[in-house]
Amino acid sequence: MTSAAPTDRDTGGSGPKRPAPTHVPARALLAVVIRPRLWRTALRQMRVMAEPGWWHRRPFLPLPAPDYLRFRLQTAYGGDGTTPIEPDDLVGYLRWCRDSA
């Protein structure tokens, strides 16, 4: 039995799925590193958003599930969910999380 390539219907009309980014761009990471008041919030959000059982899978980091990350990037930036996270957006999100807690 052969597997067919995903159709537009399978991928929401956007063609084949491209993988979501699996890392935070260095500029976005630096934007958090230079703001110590956001460190606790960033760690908490990593824990909250981490895919269950992340410690059993490479790269052994508490990363969100790829489909969840793609969805969040699509809702933030539009497109196919592969746009990298902007530093100002990450900082704004973490401030919002901190102030909402």
PDB file of N, CA and C in Angstrom:
ATOM      1  N   MET A   1       0.844  -1.169   0.000  1.00  0.00           N
ATOM      2  CA  MET A   1       0.000   0.000   0.000  1.00  0.00           C
ATOM      3  C   MET A   1       0.897   1.243   0.000  1.00  0.00           C
ATOM      4  N   THR A   2       0.627   2.172  -0.872  1.00  0.00           N
ATOM      5  CA  THR A   2       1.422   3.392  -0.956  1.00  0.00           C
ATOM      6  C   THR A   2       0.664   4.519  -0.268  1.00  0.00           C
ATOM      7  N   SER A   3       1.418   5.446   0.271  1.00  0.00           N
ATOM      8  CA  SER A   3       0.761   6.584   0.918  1.00  0.00           C
ATOM      9  C   SER A   3       0.766   7.752  -0.045  1.00  0.00           C
ATOM     10  N   ALA A   4      -0.357   8.415  -0.103  1.00  0.00           N
ATOM     11  CA  ALA A   4      -0.496   9.568  -0.996  1.00  0.00           C
ATOM     12  C   ALA A   4       0.019  10.814  -0.299  1.00  0.00           C
ATOM     13  N   ALA A   5       0.472  11.756  -1.083  1.00  0.00           N
ATOM     14  CA  ALA A   5       0.901  13.044  -0.530  1.00  0.00           C
ATOM     15  C   ALA A   5      -0.308  13.764   0.038  1.00  0.00           C
ATOM     16  N   PRO A   6      -0.117  14.588   1.052  1.00  0.00           N
ATOM     17  CA  PRO A   6      -1.256  15.315   1.619  1.00  0.00           C
ATOM     18  C   PRO A   6      -1.911  16.197   0.568  1.00  0.00           C
ATOM     19  N   THR A   7      -3.214  16.242   0.620  1.00  0.00           N
ATOM     20  CA  THR A   7      -3.955  17.077  -0.323  1.00  0.00           C
ATOM     21  C   THR A   7      -4.222  18.427   0.304  1.00  0.00           C
ATOM     22  N   ASP A   8      -4.718  19.377  -0.526  1.00  0.00           N
ATOM     23  CA  ASP A   8      -5.083  20.685   0.013  1.00  0.00           C
ATOM     24  C   ASP A   8      -6.127  20.552   1.105  1.00  0.00           C
ATOM     25  N   ARG A   9      -7.014  19.563   0.961  1.00  0.00           N
ATOM     26  CA  ARG A   9      -8.038  19.364   1.984  1.00  0.00           C
ATOM     27  C   ARG A   9      -7.406  18.929   3.304  1.00  0.00           C
ATOM     28  N   ASP A  10      -6.375  18.066   3.239  1.00  0.00           N
ATOM     29  CA  ASP A  10      -5.705  17.600   4.455  1.00  0.00           C
ATOM     30  C   ASP A  10      -4.956  18.711   5.164  1.00  0.00           C
ATOM     31  N   THR A  11      -4.468  19.679   4.429  1.00  0.00           N
ATOM     32  CA  THR A  11      -3.622  20.721   5.010  1.00  0.00           C
ATOM     33  C   THR A  11      -4.318  22.071   5.071  1.00  0.00           C
ATOM     34  N   GLY A  12      -5.623  22.091   4.965  1.00  0.00           N
ATOM     35  CA  GLY A  12      -6.354  23.339   5.061  1.00  0.00           C
ATOM     36  C   GLY A  12      -6.206  24.220   3.842  1.00  0.00           C
ATOM     37  N   GLY A  13      -5.900  23.614   2.677  1.00  0.00           N
ATOM     38  CA  GLY A  13      -5.806  24.376   1.455  1.00  0.00           C
ATOM     39  C   GLY A  13      -4.484  25.086   1.261  1.00  0.00           C
ATOM     40  N   SER A  14      -3.508  24.824   2.105  1.00  0.00           N
ATOM     41  CA  SER A  14      -2.244  25.543   1.985  1.00  0.00           C
ATOM     42  C   SER A  14      -1.130  24.692   1.400  1.00  0.00           C
ATOM     43  N   GLY A  15      -1.467  23.541   0.834  1.00  0.00           N
ATOM     44  CA  GLY A  15      -0.432  22.674   0.272  1.00  0.00           C
ATOM     45  C   GLY A  15       0.214  21.856   1.371  1.00  0.00           C
ATOM     46  N   PRO A  16       1.347  21.219   1.068  1.00  0.00           N
ATOM     47  CA  PRO A  16       2.012  20.386   2.071  1.00  0.00           C
ATOM     48  C   PRO A  16       2.441  21.209   3.287  1.00  0.00           C
ATOM     49  N   LYS A  17       2.327  20.594   4.459  1.00  0.00           N
ATOM     50  CA  LYS A  17       2.713  21.283   5.692  1.00  0.00           C
ATOM     51  C   LYS A  17       4.226  21.422   5.747  1.00  0.00           C
ATOM     52  N   ARG A  18       4.680  22.619   6.082  1.00  0.00           N
ATOM     53  CA  ARG A  18       6.089  22.825   6.367  1.00  0.00           C
ATOM     54  C   ARG A  18       6.246  22.772   7.873  1.00  0.00           C
ATOM     55  N   PRO A  19       7.377  22.291   8.347  1.00  0.00           N
ATOM     56  CA  PRO A  19       7.529  22.188   9.796  1.00  0.00           C
ATOM     57  C   PRO A  19       7.563  23.557  10.467  1.00  0.00           C
ATOM     58  N   ALA A  20       6.999  23.613  11.651  1.00  0.00           N
ATOM     59  CA  ALA A  20       7.067  24.835  12.444  1.00  0.00           C
ATOM     60  C   ALA A  20       8.488  24.997  12.962  1.00  0.00           C
ATOM     61  N   PRO A  21       8.908  26.224  13.219  1.00  0.00           N
ATOM     62  CA  PRO A  21      10.236  26.405  13.794  1.00  0.00           C
ATOM     63  C   PRO A  21      10.336  25.639  15.116  1.00  0.00           C
ATOM     64  N   THR A  22      11.468  25.013  15.345  1.00  0.00           N
ATOM     65  CA  THR A  22      11.647  24.248  16.581  1.00  0.00           C
ATOM     66  C   THR A  22      12.592  24.941  17.536  1.00  0.00           C
ATOM     67  N   HIS A  23      12.932  26.173  17.239  1.00  0.00           N
ATOM     68  CA  HIS A  23      13.832  26.904  18.123  1.00  0.00           C
ATOM     69  C   HIS A  23      13.399  28.362  18.187  1.00  0.00           C
ATOM     70  N   VAL A  24      13.847  29.010  19.215  1.00  0.00           N
ATOM     71  CA  VAL A  24      13.603  30.441  19.344  1.00  0.00           C
ATOM     72  C   VAL A  24      14.795  31.138  18.694  1.00  0.00           C
ATOM     73  N   PRO A  25      14.549  32.044  17.760  1.00  0.00           N
ATOM     74  CA  PRO A  25      15.677  32.745  17.139  1.00  0.00           C
ATOM     75  C   PRO A  25      16.551  33.419  18.193  1.00  0.00           C
ATOM     76  N   ALA A  26      17.848  33.492  17.919  1.00  0.00           N
ATOM     77  CA  ALA A  26      18.807  34.049  18.876  1.00  0.00           C
ATOM     78  C   ALA A  26      18.423  35.466  19.311  1.00  0.00           C
ATOM     79  N   ARG A  27      17.902  36.277  18.383  1.00  0.00           N
ATOM     80  CA  ARG A  27      17.500  37.647  18.741  1.00  0.00           C
ATOM     81  C   ARG A  27      16.381  37.634  19.766  1.00  0.00           C
ATOM     82  N   ALA A  28      15.425  36.718  19.622  1.00  0.00           N
ATOM     83  CA  ALA A  28      14.313  36.641  20.569  1.00  0.00           C
ATOM     84  C   ALA A  28      14.800  36.126  21.921  1.00  0.00           C
ATOM     85  N   LEU A  29      15.686  35.151  21.895  1.00  0.00           N
ATOM     86  CA  LEU A  29      16.247  34.626  23.135  1.00  0.00           C
ATOM     87  C   LEU A  29      17.033  35.711  23.862  1.00  0.00           C
ATOM     88  N   LEU A  30      17.828  36.459  23.131  1.00  0.00           N
ATOM     89  CA  LEU A  30      18.600  37.556  23.726  1.00  0.00           C
ATOM     90  C   LEU A  30      17.677  38.611  24.338  1.00  0.00           C
ATOM     91  N   ALA A  31      16.549  38.869  23.690  1.00  0.00           N
ATOM     92  CA  ALA A  31      15.595  39.855  24.204  1.00  0.00           C
ATOM     93  C   ALA A  31      15.086  39.453  25.590  1.00  0.00           C
ATOM     94  N   VAL A  32      14.991  38.156  25.849  1.00  0.00           N
ATOM     95  CA  VAL A  32      14.555  37.681  27.168  1.00  0.00           C
ATOM     96  C   VAL A  32      15.738  37.650  28.134  1.00  0.00           C
ATOM     97  N   VAL A  33      16.889  37.224  27.661  1.00  0.00           N
ATOM     98  CA  VAL A  33      18.070  37.117  28.525  1.00  0.00           C
ATOM     99  C   VAL A  33      18.432  38.466  29.154  1.00  0.00           C
ATOM    100  N   ILE A  34      18.268  39.536  28.426  1.00  0.00           N
ATOM    101  CA  ILE A  34      18.638  40.850  28.957  1.00  0.00           C
ATOM    102  C   ILE A  34      17.547  41.466  29.840  1.00  0.00           C
ATOM    103  N   ARG A  35      16.477  40.723  30.064  1.00  0.00           N
ATOM    104  CA  ARG A  35      15.385  41.199  30.923  1.00  0.00           C
ATOM    105  C   ARG A  35      15.165  40.217  32.080  1.00  0.00           C
ATOM    106  N   PRO A  36      15.982  40.293  33.131  1.00  0.00           N
ATOM    107  CA  PRO A  36      15.880  39.334  34.247  1.00  0.00           C
ATOM    108  C   PRO A  36      14.492  39.247  34.878  1.00  0.00           C
ATOM    109  N   ARG A  37      13.720  40.315  34.817  1.00  0.00           N
ATOM    110  CA  ARG A  37      12.370  40.270  35.402  1.00  0.00           C
ATOM    111  C   ARG A  37      11.451  39.300  34.657  1.00  0.00           C
ATOM    112  N   LEU A  38      11.826  38.912  33.452  1.00  0.00           N
ATOM    113  CA  LEU A  38      11.005  37.980  32.672  1.00  0.00           C
ATOM    114  C   LEU A  38      11.500  36.535  32.765  1.00  0.00           C
ATOM    115  N   TRP A  39      12.612  36.290  33.412  1.00  0.00           N
ATOM    116  CA  TRP A  39      13.180  34.944  33.451  1.00  0.00           C
ATOM    117  C   TRP A  39      12.228  33.945  34.102  1.00  0.00           C
ATOM    118  N   ARG A  40      11.673  34.284  35.246  1.00  0.00           N
ATOM    119  CA  ARG A  40      10.769  33.358  35.947  1.00  0.00           C
ATOM    120  C   ARG A  40       9.534  33.069  35.085  1.00  0.00           C
ATOM    121  N   THR A  41       9.006  34.108  34.456  1.00  0.00           N
ATOM    122  CA  THR A  41       7.835  33.933  33.600  1.00  0.00           C
ATOM    123  C   THR A  41       8.187  33.061  32.398  1.00  0.00           C
ATOM    124  N   ALA A  42       9.355  33.288  31.807  1.00  0.00           N
ATOM    125  CA  ALA A  42       9.775  32.487  30.649  1.00  0.00           C
ATOM    126  C   ALA A  42       9.909  31.017  31.032  1.00  0.00           C
ATOM    127  N   LEU A  43      10.495  30.740  32.182  1.00  0.00           N
ATOM    128  CA  LEU A  43      10.624  29.350  32.634  1.00  0.00           C
ATOM    129  C   LEU A  43       9.261  28.722  32.905  1.00  0.00           C
ATOM    130  N   ARG A  44       8.372  29.496  33.515  1.00  0.00           N
ATOM    131  CA  ARG A  44       7.024  28.979  33.784  1.00  0.00           C
ATOM    132  C   ARG A  44       6.300  28.661  32.476  1.00  0.00           C
ATOM    133  N   GLN A  45       6.405  29.558  31.497  1.00  0.00           N
ATOM    134  CA  GLN A  45       5.726  29.326  30.220  1.00  0.00           C
ATOM    135  C   GLN A  45       6.338  28.150  29.460  1.00  0.00           C
ATOM    136  N   MET A  46       7.644  27.962  29.588  1.00  0.00           N
ATOM    137  CA  MET A  46       8.261  26.782  28.974  1.00  0.00           C
ATOM    138  C   MET A  46       7.665  25.520  29.573  1.00  0.00           C
ATOM    139  N   ARG A  47       7.506  25.504  30.890  1.00  0.00           N
ATOM    140  CA  ARG A  47       6.950  24.334  31.565  1.00  0.00           C
ATOM    141  C   ARG A  47       5.488  24.101  31.161  1.00  0.00           C
ATOM    142  N   VAL A  48       4.714  25.181  31.103  1.00  0.00           N
ATOM    143  CA  VAL A  48       3.297  25.075  30.778  1.00  0.00           C
ATOM    144  C   VAL A  48       3.089  24.603  29.336  1.00  0.00           C
ATOM    145  N   MET A  49       3.898  25.126  28.419  1.00  0.00           N
ATOM    146  CA  MET A  49       3.703  24.837  27.002  1.00  0.00           C
ATOM    147  C   MET A  49       4.441  23.590  26.515  1.00  0.00           C
ATOM    148  N   ALA A  50       5.308  23.025  27.337  1.00  0.00           N
ATOM    149  CA  ALA A  50       6.110  21.870  26.916  1.00  0.00           C
ATOM    150  C   ALA A  50       5.217  20.686  26.566  1.00  0.00           C
ATOM    151  N   GLU A  51       5.614  20.007  25.511  1.00  0.00           N
ATOM    152  CA  GLU A  51       4.898  18.804  25.103  1.00  0.00           C
ATOM    153  C   GLU A  51       5.061  17.744  26.191  1.00  0.00           C
ATOM    154  N   PRO A  52       3.979  17.059  26.574  1.00  0.00           N
ATOM    155  CA  PRO A  52       4.089  16.034  27.610  1.00  0.00           C
ATOM    156  C   PRO A  52       5.141  14.981  27.242  1.00  0.00           C
ATOM    157  N   GLY A  53       5.939  14.592  28.208  1.00  0.00           N
ATOM    158  CA  GLY A  53       6.969  13.584  27.983  1.00  0.00           C
ATOM    159  C   GLY A  53       8.157  14.083  27.175  1.00  0.00           C
ATOM    160  N   TRP A  54       8.387  15.382  27.175  1.00  0.00           N
ATOM    161  CA  TRP A  54       9.468  15.959  26.364  1.00  0.00           C
ATOM    162  C   TRP A  54      10.825  15.361  26.706  1.00  0.00           C
ATOM    163  N   TRP A  55      11.006  14.920  27.921  1.00  0.00           N
ATOM    164  CA  TRP A  55      12.307  14.390  28.359  1.00  0.00           C
ATOM    165  C   TRP A  55      12.606  13.019  27.751  1.00  0.00           C
ATOM    166  N   HIS A  56      11.620  12.421  27.089  1.00  0.00           N
ATOM    167  CA  HIS A  56      11.825  11.124  26.440  1.00  0.00           C
ATOM    168  C   HIS A  56      12.230  11.250  24.976  1.00  0.00           C
ATOM    169  N   ARG A  57      12.160  12.459  24.430  1.00  0.00           N
ATOM    170  CA  ARG A  57      12.403  12.652  22.993  1.00  0.00           C
ATOM    171  C   ARG A  57      13.492  13.681  22.760  1.00  0.00           C
ATOM    172  N   ARG A  58      14.289  13.424  21.756  1.00  0.00           N
ATOM    173  CA  ARG A  58      15.283  14.418  21.355  1.00  0.00           C
ATOM    174  C   ARG A  58      14.565  15.646  20.869  1.00  0.00           C
ATOM    175  N   PRO A  59      15.027  16.800  21.124  1.00  0.00           N
ATOM    176  CA  PRO A  59      16.315  17.216  21.675  1.00  0.00           C
ATOM    177  C   PRO A  59      16.328  17.327  23.194  1.00  0.00           C
ATOM    178  N   PHE A  60      15.419  16.649  23.896  1.00  0.00           N
ATOM    179  CA  PHE A  60      15.374  16.644  25.359  1.00  0.00           C
ATOM    180  C   PHE A  60      15.243  18.049  25.942  1.00  0.00           C
ATOM    181  N   LEU A  61      14.437  18.858  25.297  1.00  0.00           N
ATOM    182  CA  LEU A  61      14.158  20.218  25.746  1.00  0.00           C
ATOM    183  C   LEU A  61      12.650  20.399  25.898  1.00  0.00           C
ATOM    184  N   PRO A  62      12.216  21.228  26.819  1.00  0.00           N
ATOM    185  CA  PRO A  62      10.773  21.432  27.020  1.00  0.00           C
ATOM    186  C   PRO A  62      10.171  22.349  25.950  1.00  0.00           C
ATOM    187  N   LEU A  63      10.047  21.822  24.734  1.00  0.00           N
ATOM    188  CA  LEU A  63       9.503  22.578  23.612  1.00  0.00           C
ATOM    189  C   LEU A  63       8.023  22.278  23.444  1.00  0.00           C
ATOM    190  N   PRO A  64       7.256  23.246  22.946  1.00  0.00           N
ATOM    191  CA  PRO A  64       5.842  22.962  22.669  1.00  0.00           C
ATOM    192  C   PRO A  64       5.715  21.988  21.509  1.00  0.00           C
ATOM    193  N   ALA A  65       4.579  21.336  21.416  1.00  0.00           N
ATOM    194  CA  ALA A  65       4.316  20.427  20.303  1.00  0.00           C
ATOM    195  C   ALA A  65       4.388  21.207  18.992  1.00  0.00           C
ATOM    196  N   PRO A  66       4.983  20.632  17.944  1.00  0.00           N
ATOM    197  CA  PRO A  66       5.119  21.344  16.673  1.00  0.00           C
ATOM    198  C   PRO A  66       3.790  21.854  16.117  1.00  0.00           C
ATOM    199  N   ASP A  67       2.728  21.059  16.207  1.00  0.00           N
ATOM    200  CA  ASP A  67       1.429  21.507  15.689  1.00  0.00           C
ATOM    201  C   ASP A  67       0.893  22.696  16.491  1.00  0.00           C
ATOM    202  N   TYR A  68       1.099  22.678  17.806  1.00  0.00           N
ATOM    203  CA  TYR A  68       0.662  23.797  18.642  1.00  0.00           C
ATOM    204  C   TYR A  68       1.451  25.055  18.296  1.00  0.00           C
ATOM    205  N   LEU A  69       2.753  24.916  18.150  1.00  0.00           N
ATOM    206  CA  LEU A  69       3.588  26.064  17.805  1.00  0.00           C
ATOM    207  C   LEU A  69       3.206  26.616  16.435  1.00  0.00           C
ATOM    208  N   ARG A  70       2.959  25.737  15.471  1.00  0.00           N
ATOM    209  CA  ARG A  70       2.538  26.185  14.137  1.00  0.00           C
ATOM    210  C   ARG A  70       1.229  26.964  14.227  1.00  0.00           C
ATOM    211  N   PHE A  71       0.274  26.444  15.009  1.00  0.00           N
ATOM    212  CA  PHE A  71      -1.006  27.127  15.185  1.00  0.00           C
ATOM    213  C   PHE A  71      -0.817  28.518  15.790  1.00  0.00           C
ATOM    214  N   ARG A  72       0.008  28.594  16.846  1.00  0.00           N
ATOM    215  CA  ARG A  72       0.225  29.893  17.498  1.00  0.00           C
ATOM    216  C   ARG A  72       0.901  30.887  16.554  1.00  0.00           C
ATOM    217  N   LEU A  73       1.848  30.423  15.752  1.00  0.00           N
ATOM    218  CA  LEU A  73       2.530  31.306  14.802  1.00  0.00           C
ATOM    219  C   LEU A  73       1.591  31.724  13.671  1.00  0.00           C
ATOM    220  N   GLN A  74       0.696  30.828  13.253  1.00  0.00           N
ATOM    221  CA  GLN A  74      -0.294  31.193  12.230  1.00  0.00           C
ATOM    222  C   GLN A  74      -1.229  32.267  12.754  1.00  0.00           C
ATOM    223  N   THR A  75      -1.676  32.125  14.005  1.00  0.00           N
ATOM    224  CA  THR A  75      -2.603  33.116  14.540  1.00  0.00           C
ATOM    225  C   THR A  75      -1.904  34.448  14.806  1.00  0.00           C
ATOM    226  N   ALA A  76      -0.615  34.416  15.080  1.00  0.00           N
ATOM    227  CA  ALA A  76       0.116  35.655  15.348  1.00  0.00           C
ATOM    228  C   ALA A  76       0.548  36.368  14.073  1.00  0.00           C
ATOM    229  N   TYR A  77       1.045  35.598  13.094  1.00  0.00           N
ATOM    230  CA  TYR A  77       1.665  36.208  11.921  1.00  0.00           C
ATOM    231  C   TYR A  77       0.986  35.876  10.601  1.00  0.00           C
ATOM    232  N   GLY A  78      -0.001  34.975  10.620  1.00  0.00           N
ATOM    233  CA  GLY A  78      -0.622  34.544   9.371  1.00  0.00           C
ATOM    234  C   GLY A  78       0.300  33.585   8.634  1.00  0.00           C
ATOM    235  N   GLY A  79      -0.051  33.285   7.410  1.00  0.00           N
ATOM    236  CA  GLY A  79       0.790  32.396   6.609  1.00  0.00           C
ATOM    237  C   GLY A  79       0.696  30.957   7.056  1.00  0.00           C
ATOM    238  N   ASP A  80       1.781  30.227   6.840  1.00  0.00           N
ATOM    239  CA  ASP A  80       1.767  28.791   7.095  1.00  0.00           C
ATOM    240  C   ASP A  80       2.332  28.396   8.457  1.00  0.00           C
ATOM    241  N   GLY A  81       2.614  29.361   9.307  1.00  0.00           N
ATOM    242  CA  GLY A  81       3.078  29.051  10.656  1.00  0.00           C
ATOM    243  C   GLY A  81       4.558  28.790  10.763  1.00  0.00           C
ATOM    244  N   THR A  82       5.332  29.205   9.781  1.00  0.00           N
ATOM    245  CA  THR A  82       6.779  28.993   9.831  1.00  0.00           C
ATOM    246  C   THR A  82       7.541  30.304  10.037  1.00  0.00           C
ATOM    247  N   THR A  83       6.827  31.403  10.214  1.00  0.00           N
ATOM    248  CA  THR A  83       7.474  32.689  10.455  1.00  0.00           C
ATOM    249  C   THR A  83       8.135  32.663  11.834  1.00  0.00           C
ATOM    250  N   PRO A  84       9.411  33.045  11.933  1.00  0.00           N
ATOM    251  CA  PRO A  84      10.057  33.026  13.247  1.00  0.00           C
ATOM    252  C   PRO A  84       9.448  34.047  14.212  1.00  0.00           C
ATOM    253  N   ILE A  85       9.564  33.761  15.475  1.00  0.00           N
ATOM    254  CA  ILE A  85       9.044  34.629  16.525  1.00  0.00           C
ATOM    255  C   ILE A  85       9.850  35.925  16.556  1.00  0.00           C
ATOM    256  N   GLU A  86       9.152  37.039  16.574  1.00  0.00           N
ATOM    257  CA  GLU A  86       9.811  38.347  16.668  1.00  0.00           C
ATOM    258  C   GLU A  86      10.159  38.629  18.132  1.00  0.00           C
ATOM    259  N   PRO A  87      11.350  39.163  18.393  1.00  0.00           N
ATOM    260  CA  PRO A  87      11.754  39.446  19.784  1.00  0.00           C
ATOM    261  C   PRO A  87      10.752  40.303  20.554  1.00  0.00           C
ATOM    262  N   ASP A  88      10.267  41.379  19.956  1.00  0.00           N
ATOM    263  CA  ASP A  88       9.317  42.254  20.654  1.00  0.00           C
ATOM    264  C   ASP A  88       8.024  41.525  20.982  1.00  0.00           C
ATOM    265  N   ASP A  89       7.598  40.621  20.107  1.00  0.00           N
ATOM    266  CA  ASP A  89       6.379  39.855  20.355  1.00  0.00           C
ATOM    267  C   ASP A  89       6.573  38.888  21.513  1.00  0.00           C
ATOM    268  N   LEU A  90       7.735  38.243  21.579  1.00  0.00           N
ATOM    269  CA  LEU A  90       8.008  37.321  22.672  1.00  0.00           C
ATOM    270  C   LEU A  90       8.057  38.063  24.000  1.00  0.00           C
ATOM    271  N   VAL A  91       8.734  39.186  24.031  1.00  0.00           N
ATOM    272  CA  VAL A  91       8.813  39.988  25.257  1.00  0.00           C
ATOM    273  C   VAL A  91       7.418  40.463  25.664  1.00  0.00           C
ATOM    274  N   GLY A  92       6.632  40.940  24.703  1.00  0.00           N
ATOM    275  CA  GLY A  92       5.272  41.384  24.996  1.00  0.00           C
ATOM    276  C   GLY A  92       4.412  40.257  25.538  1.00  0.00           C
ATOM    277  N   TYR A  93       4.545  39.070  24.956  1.00  0.00           N
ATOM    278  CA  TYR A  93       3.790  37.907  25.420  1.00  0.00           C
ATOM    279  C   TYR A  93       4.176  37.554  26.858  1.00  0.00           C
ATOM    280  N   LEU A  94       5.472  37.538  27.136  1.00  0.00           N
ATOM    281  CA  LEU A  94       5.913  37.195  28.487  1.00  0.00           C
ATOM    282  C   LEU A  94       5.479  38.245  29.502  1.00  0.00           C
ATOM    283  N   ARG A  95       5.499  39.503  29.127  1.00  0.00           N
ATOM    284  CA  ARG A  95       5.012  40.553  30.038  1.00  0.00           C
ATOM    285  C   ARG A  95       3.521  40.373  30.304  1.00  0.00           C
ATOM    286  N   TRP A  96       2.770  40.033  29.252  1.00  0.00           N
ATOM    287  CA  TRP A  96       1.342  39.805  29.413  1.00  0.00           C
ATOM    288  C   TRP A  96       1.098  38.626  30.359  1.00  0.00           C
ATOM    289  N   CYS A  97       1.867  37.554  30.170  1.00  0.00           N
ATOM    290  CA  CYS A  97       1.725  36.385  31.057  1.00  0.00           C
ATOM    291  C   CYS A  97       2.052  36.753  32.498  1.00  0.00           C
ATOM    292  N   ARG A  98       3.126  37.499  32.693  1.00  0.00           N
ATOM    293  CA  ARG A  98       3.541  37.911  34.040  1.00  0.00           C
ATOM    294  C   ARG A  98       2.461  38.775  34.698  1.00  0.00           C
ATOM    295  N   ASP A  99       1.933  39.729  33.948  1.00  0.00           N
ATOM    296  CA  ASP A  99       0.952  40.656  34.514  1.00  0.00           C
ATOM    297  C   ASP A  99      -0.423  40.022  34.706  1.00  0.00           C
ATOM    298  N   SER A 100      -0.699  38.934  33.986  1.00  0.00           N
ATOM    299  CA  SER A 100      -1.991  38.243  34.085  1.00  0.00           C
ATOM    300  C   SER A 100      -2.015  37.206  35.202  1.00  0.00           C
ATOM    301  N   ALA A 101      -0.843  36.839  35.668  1.00  0.00           N
ATOM    302  CA  ALA A 101      -0.773  35.766  36.680  1.00  0.00           C
ATOM    303  C   ALA A 101      -1.213  36.248  38.046  1.00  0.00           C
TER     304      ALA A 101
END
